[in-house]
């Protein structure tokens, strides 16, 4: 088992308990309702292509802002107002990866999305959500290796 951030593991375990599809959907929608756009001090439109989530139909973008403790604070923008899944995952990632050890973020398995969303995801939606995980990992990798300025 990989050593993913404890807070993210706890969220995954919560969703593991939701066997009823409607309960899972309600929980994800409640998360999406908490979504807030990326603050202007982090990024403004038009967002750079380098921050775009590959394969995401909801046109999501992500940033990792270095914190004094050398962790990242994650932010996401979801340009499609109907992008409920992307918004809910953005809240999960912002809340549970921000401040986590970079080495743990690097070990997050992309298929963790199925623990949140279930196996009923379409291929297209899976690609976009996995893309959000991969962007978070890329930002952590760049920070960890010193590739960012």
Protein backbone atom coordinates (compact mmCIF):
# COMPACT_ATOMS: atom_id res chain seq x y z
CA UNK A 1 0.00 0.00 0.00
CA UNK A 2 1.34 3.40 -0.90
CA UNK A 3 1.91 6.07 1.71
CA UNK A 4 -0.61 8.63 0.52
CA UNK A 5 -1.41 11.67 2.64
CA UNK A 6 -3.38 10.61 5.73
CA UNK A 7 -6.15 13.15 5.14
CA UNK A 8 -6.71 11.88 1.59
CA UNK A 9 -6.75 8.28 2.87
CA UNK A 10 -9.45 9.25 5.38
CA UNK A 11 -11.61 10.76 2.65
CA UNK A 12 -11.18 7.63 0.52
CA UNK A 13 -12.20 5.46 3.48
CA UNK A 14 -15.30 7.62 4.01
CA UNK A 15 -16.32 7.13 0.39
CA UNK A 16 -15.58 3.38 0.67
CA UNK A 17 -18.39 3.25 3.24
CA UNK A 18 -20.91 4.80 0.84
CA UNK A 19 -22.24 1.73 -0.93
CA UNK A 20 -25.43 3.44 -2.06
CA UNK A 21 -24.86 5.30 -5.33
CA UNK A 22 -27.28 8.09 -4.37
CA UNK A 23 -25.47 8.70 -1.08
CA UNK A 24 -22.17 8.92 -2.97
CA UNK A 25 -23.66 11.39 -5.46
CA UNK A 26 -25.10 13.52 -2.64
CA UNK A 27 -21.72 13.60 -0.87
CA UNK A 28 -19.93 14.58 -4.08
CA UNK A 29 -22.49 17.29 -4.85
CA UNK A 30 -22.08 18.68 -1.32
CA UNK A 31 -18.34 18.90 -1.96
CA UNK A 32 -18.90 20.59 -5.33
CA UNK A 33 -21.07 23.19 -3.57
CA UNK A 34 -17.99 24.14 -1.54
CA UNK A 35 -15.88 24.75 -4.66
CA UNK A 36 -14.38 28.22 -4.89
CA UNK A 37 -12.59 29.62 -7.92
CA UNK A 38 -8.85 30.08 -7.77
CA UNK A 39 -8.03 33.39 -6.06
CA UNK A 40 -6.88 36.21 -8.35
CA UNK A 41 -3.57 36.45 -6.47
CA UNK A 42 -2.81 32.89 -7.63
CA UNK A 43 -4.02 33.09 -11.23
CA UNK A 44 -6.26 35.08 -13.55
CA UNK A 45 -7.86 34.28 -16.90
CA UNK A 46 -6.77 33.34 -19.41
CA UNK A 47 -5.08 30.55 -17.47
CA UNK A 48 -1.78 29.23 -18.81
CA UNK A 49 -1.88 25.99 -20.79
CA UNK A 50 0.90 24.66 -18.54
CA UNK A 51 -1.64 24.54 -15.70
CA UNK A 52 -4.40 22.87 -17.70
CA UNK A 53 -5.51 19.38 -16.71
CA UNK A 54 -4.94 17.11 -19.67
CA UNK A 55 -8.02 15.32 -20.92
CA UNK A 56 -10.47 17.14 -18.65
CA UNK A 57 -13.76 17.95 -20.37
CA UNK A 58 -14.51 20.52 -17.66
CA UNK A 59 -11.46 22.59 -18.58
CA UNK A 60 -9.82 22.35 -15.18
CA UNK A 61 -6.56 24.03 -14.22
CA UNK A 62 -4.42 23.59 -11.14
CA UNK A 63 -1.69 25.36 -9.18
CA UNK A 64 0.55 24.51 -6.28
CA UNK A 65 1.73 27.50 -4.27
CA UNK A 66 4.82 26.97 -2.12
CA UNK A 67 4.22 27.40 1.59
CA UNK A 68 6.78 28.41 4.24
CA UNK A 69 7.03 24.76 5.38
CA UNK A 70 7.98 23.77 1.79
CA UNK A 71 4.69 22.03 1.12
CA UNK A 72 2.19 23.18 -1.50
CA UNK A 73 -1.19 24.83 -1.17
CA UNK A 74 -3.30 23.54 -4.06
CA UNK A 75 -5.82 25.58 -6.02
CA UNK A 76 -8.03 24.60 -8.94
CA UNK A 77 -10.18 26.35 -11.51
CA UNK A 78 -13.00 24.53 -13.26
CA UNK A 79 -14.24 26.50 -16.23
CA UNK A 80 -17.29 24.37 -17.02
CA UNK A 81 -20.10 25.33 -14.61
CA UNK A 82 -21.53 21.82 -15.11
CA UNK A 83 -18.24 20.18 -14.08
CA UNK A 84 -19.58 18.82 -10.79
CA UNK A 85 -17.16 15.87 -10.65
CA UNK A 86 -14.15 18.11 -11.36
CA UNK A 87 -15.33 20.61 -8.74
CA UNK A 88 -15.81 17.94 -6.10
CA UNK A 89 -12.39 16.42 -6.80
CA UNK A 90 -10.86 19.91 -6.71
CA UNK A 91 -12.26 20.39 -3.18
CA UNK A 92 -10.98 16.95 -2.13
CA UNK A 93 -7.50 17.71 -3.47
CA UNK A 94 -7.34 21.28 -2.17
CA UNK A 95 -8.46 20.22 1.31
CA UNK A 96 -6.41 17.04 1.61
CA UNK A 97 -3.21 17.58 -0.37
CA UNK A 98 -2.46 21.13 0.72
CA UNK A 99 0.24 20.94 3.38
CA UNK A 100 0.89 17.23 2.83
CA UNK A 101 4.44 15.92 2.41
CA UNK A 102 5.42 16.12 -1.25
CA UNK A 103 6.86 12.62 -1.13
CA UNK A 104 3.42 11.27 -0.20
CA UNK A 105 1.65 13.20 -2.95
CA UNK A 106 4.00 11.57 -5.45
CA UNK A 107 2.77 8.11 -4.44
CA UNK A 108 -0.98 8.72 -4.91
CA UNK A 109 -2.33 6.06 -7.25
CA UNK A 110 -4.43 7.65 -10.02
CA UNK A 111 -7.11 4.99 -9.57
CA UNK A 112 -7.95 6.48 -6.16
CA UNK A 113 -10.62 8.43 -8.05
CA UNK A 114 -12.71 5.25 -8.19
CA UNK A 115 -12.85 5.22 -4.40
CA UNK A 116 -14.47 8.66 -4.51
CA UNK A 117 -16.63 8.33 -7.62
CA UNK A 118 -17.22 4.59 -7.92
CA UNK A 119 -16.56 2.37 -10.91
CA UNK A 120 -19.51 3.74 -12.90
CA UNK A 121 -17.44 6.62 -14.29
CA UNK A 122 -17.34 7.05 -18.05
CA UNK A 123 -13.95 6.70 -19.70
CA UNK A 124 -13.91 10.40 -20.59
CA UNK A 125 -14.70 11.49 -17.04
CA UNK A 126 -12.10 9.06 -15.64
CA UNK A 127 -9.44 10.52 -17.91
CA UNK A 128 -10.14 14.05 -16.71
CA UNK A 129 -10.25 13.17 -13.03
CA UNK A 130 -7.08 11.11 -13.27
CA UNK A 131 -5.58 14.12 -15.07
CA UNK A 132 -6.31 16.24 -11.99
CA UNK A 133 -4.45 13.75 -9.78
CA UNK A 134 -1.57 13.65 -12.26
CA UNK A 135 -1.35 17.46 -12.36
CA UNK A 136 -1.20 17.60 -8.55
CA UNK A 137 1.57 14.99 -8.63
CA UNK A 138 3.46 16.87 -11.37
CA UNK A 139 3.35 20.08 -9.34
CA UNK A 140 4.64 18.20 -6.28
CA UNK A 141 7.37 16.53 -8.36
CA UNK A 142 8.50 19.89 -9.75
CA UNK A 143 8.58 21.39 -6.26
CA UNK A 144 10.29 18.32 -4.76
CA UNK A 145 13.00 18.26 -7.42
CA UNK A 146 13.49 22.02 -7.45
CA UNK A 147 12.36 22.41 -11.08
CA UNK A 148 10.16 25.37 -10.17
CA UNK A 149 11.53 28.80 -9.45
